[in-house]
């Protein structure tokens, strides 16, 4: 058996899961899990199924050291009964429960900026701020944070909840969103770096990490995240938007 850390990635076919799969390469012994078949698995261990089924969660966690739980319905306006109750509530409980029962050391839970978007835009959210969701999707992520805190405090499972901002490649900021949304931008390389640090940083019982880039103004304060996890984000959503606007202005000058 390999001496590499054994890492399960749920939601492995999603945008974030696909980016992290590519980033991590063969650094760990990886198990890929998704509700859909995983394309281009290249012989890697895979689990296909619905995490609302506790048996699928057990199969995902068995023999693993760390679980990166990305699987969820990511739609901000998803409906509670039709969309969220299985994917974002039952599945989260099942992963925590199976991880603890199967001897997994740490779960990294993909929370969201939506768990705290209910605060005024003038308030820079800190990791210790309580969830304040603006939609039911955000409430599902707040549930995952709170449930993780329970499993850490009462059952001894290490849990890190990462409040992920607007994810994308460096060039992928949505120009149709407001300029303020850049304060929540996280590039793919910065988020992958943060996941790396969440996997290997020792002596964490429970923590909230803020998963955004080094934006000119950060809607989520990253000071504590940078310090605790030795996180060094490289990108700035505002700088990317400004550079694109300047390039567009130059290209259209005199037209």
Foldseek 3Di string as FASTA:
>chain_A
DDPFAEEEEEPCVDPLNVLLCVVCDPRGLYEYEYCDDDPPCVPHHYQHRFLLDLVSLLVRQAPHQEYEYPWADPDQADDCPPGHCRGLPSSLVSNLVNNLVRVHAEYEAEAAPQQAVQDPLVDQAEFPDQGDHPGVSSVSSSVSQVVLVCCLPPVVHAYEYEHAAAEEAQLDDDPVDDLSSLLRAAYSVQQSQLVVLVVPQPDGSYTYAYHHAPAPHHSYDHPVVCVRRVRHHDHYSNVSVVVVVVVVCVVPPPD
